[in-house]
Amino acid sequence: MTVGYFYSTKYIGIAKIEEDDERDKFIQTKTNNQAFNILQWVLFVLGAVTIIIDVNLGQMGLDSRAMVIIVVGVVLIFLWAFSWILQLILMIINYFCN
């Protein structure tokens, strides 16, 4: 969806676009940011759902399956937290560079 927005805004009503145009760079940056935010929310939701499923499986007595699912959930939540930390570090770097 975000890629479609990028290409539709890039080619609407413009005969020829230079590759180094600042508008293109801005649109590409916004598109990448939106895709990154979608990825963060998908990681969080999948991690939360797997942990909720694990709680239900643990109560039913399926400990081996519950252990595998909890590991998957923890990895997804770890990736989500790592992506937020990475975004925070990049924001700090950009703030001090400008």
Protein backbone atom coordinates (compact mmCIF):
# COMPACT_ATOMS: atom_id res chain seq x y z
CA MET A 1 0.00 0.00 0.00
CA THR A 2 2.73 2.48 0.92
CA VAL A 3 4.71 1.55 -2.18
CA GLY A 4 1.61 2.29 -4.26
CA TYR A 5 1.35 5.73 -2.65
CA PHE A 6 4.98 6.43 -3.49
CA TYR A 7 4.67 5.52 -7.15
CA SER A 8 1.30 7.19 -7.61
CA THR A 9 2.54 10.47 -6.13
CA LYS A 10 5.75 10.23 -8.11
CA TYR A 11 4.14 9.92 -11.53
CA ILE A 12 0.89 11.89 -11.34
CA GLY A 13 0.88 14.76 -13.79
CA ILE A 14 4.64 15.07 -14.15
CA ALA A 15 6.23 14.45 -17.52
CA LYS A 16 9.80 13.89 -16.39
CA ILE A 17 11.23 13.67 -12.89
CA GLU A 18 14.86 13.90 -11.98
CA GLU A 19 16.06 11.17 -9.69
CA ASP A 20 17.70 13.61 -7.26
CA ASP A 21 14.54 15.64 -6.70
CA GLU A 22 14.04 16.57 -3.04
CA ARG A 23 10.32 15.82 -3.23
CA ASP A 24 11.06 12.25 -4.26
CA LYS A 25 13.47 11.82 -1.37
CA PHE A 26 10.88 13.24 1.04
CA ILE A 27 8.16 10.90 -0.25
CA GLN A 28 10.49 7.92 -0.09
CA THR A 29 11.48 8.79 3.48
CA LYS A 30 7.83 9.09 4.53
CA THR A 31 7.01 5.81 2.80
CA ASN A 32 9.85 3.99 4.54
CA ASN A 33 8.80 5.49 7.88
CA GLN A 34 5.21 4.35 7.40
CA ALA A 35 6.34 0.83 6.44
CA PHE A 36 8.60 0.71 9.51
CA ASN A 37 5.72 1.78 11.78
CA ILE A 38 3.47 -0.90 10.28
CA LEU A 39 6.20 -3.48 10.90
CA GLN A 40 6.50 -2.39 14.53
CA TRP A 41 2.77 -2.77 15.15
CA VAL A 42 2.64 -6.14 13.40
CA LEU A 43 5.50 -7.41 15.58
CA PHE A 44 3.78 -6.16 18.73
CA VAL A 45 0.38 -7.63 17.86
CA LEU A 46 1.82 -11.00 16.84
CA GLY A 47 3.93 -11.15 20.01
CA ALA A 48 0.98 -10.26 22.23
CA VAL A 49 -1.29 -12.79 20.51
CA THR A 50 1.25 -15.59 20.87
CA ILE A 51 1.71 -14.82 24.57
CA ILE A 52 -2.08 -14.82 25.09
CA ILE A 53 -2.32 -18.17 23.27
CA ASP A 54 0.47 -19.47 25.47
CA VAL A 55 -1.38 -18.55 28.64
CA ASN A 56 -4.42 -20.49 27.43
CA LEU A 57 -2.34 -23.53 26.41
CA GLY A 58 -0.50 -23.50 29.73
CA GLN A 59 -3.79 -23.62 31.61
CA MET A 60 -4.91 -26.62 29.53
CA GLY A 61 -1.76 -28.55 30.48
CA LEU A 62 0.04 -28.47 27.11
CA ASP A 63 3.40 -27.43 28.50
CA SER A 64 5.65 -28.43 25.57
CA ARG A 65 3.58 -26.51 23.03
CA ALA A 66 3.22 -23.61 25.42
CA MET A 67 6.99 -23.38 25.81
CA VAL A 68 7.54 -23.16 22.05
CA ILE A 69 4.86 -20.51 21.66
CA ILE A 70 6.20 -18.44 24.57
CA VAL A 71 9.67 -18.45 22.97
CA VAL A 72 8.17 -17.22 19.68
CA GLY A 73 6.18 -14.55 21.53
CA VAL A 74 9.20 -13.35 23.48
CA VAL A 75 11.31 -13.16 20.31
CA LEU A 76 8.61 -11.10 18.56
CA ILE A 77 8.30 -8.73 21.53
CA PHE A 78 12.12 -8.47 21.67
CA LEU A 79 12.23 -7.54 17.98
CA TRP A 80 9.51 -4.94 18.59
CA ALA A 81 11.46 -3.42 21.50
CA PHE A 82 14.69 -3.50 19.48
CA SER A 83 13.00 -1.64 16.61
CA TRP A 84 11.78 1.08 19.01
CA ILE A 85 15.27 1.44 20.50
CA LEU A 86 16.76 1.62 17.01
CA GLN A 87 14.26 4.30 16.01
CA LEU A 88 15.07 6.28 19.17
CA ILE A 89 18.81 6.09 18.48
CA LEU A 90 18.29 7.27 14.90
CA MET A 91 16.13 10.18 16.08
CA ILE A 92 18.84 11.24 18.55
CA ILE A 93 21.53 11.01 15.86
CA ASN A 94 19.44 13.07 13.44
CA TYR A 95 18.71 15.65 16.13
CA PHE A 96 22.39 16.21 16.92
CA CYS A 97 23.46 16.14 13.25
CA ASN A 98 21.03 18.92 12.36
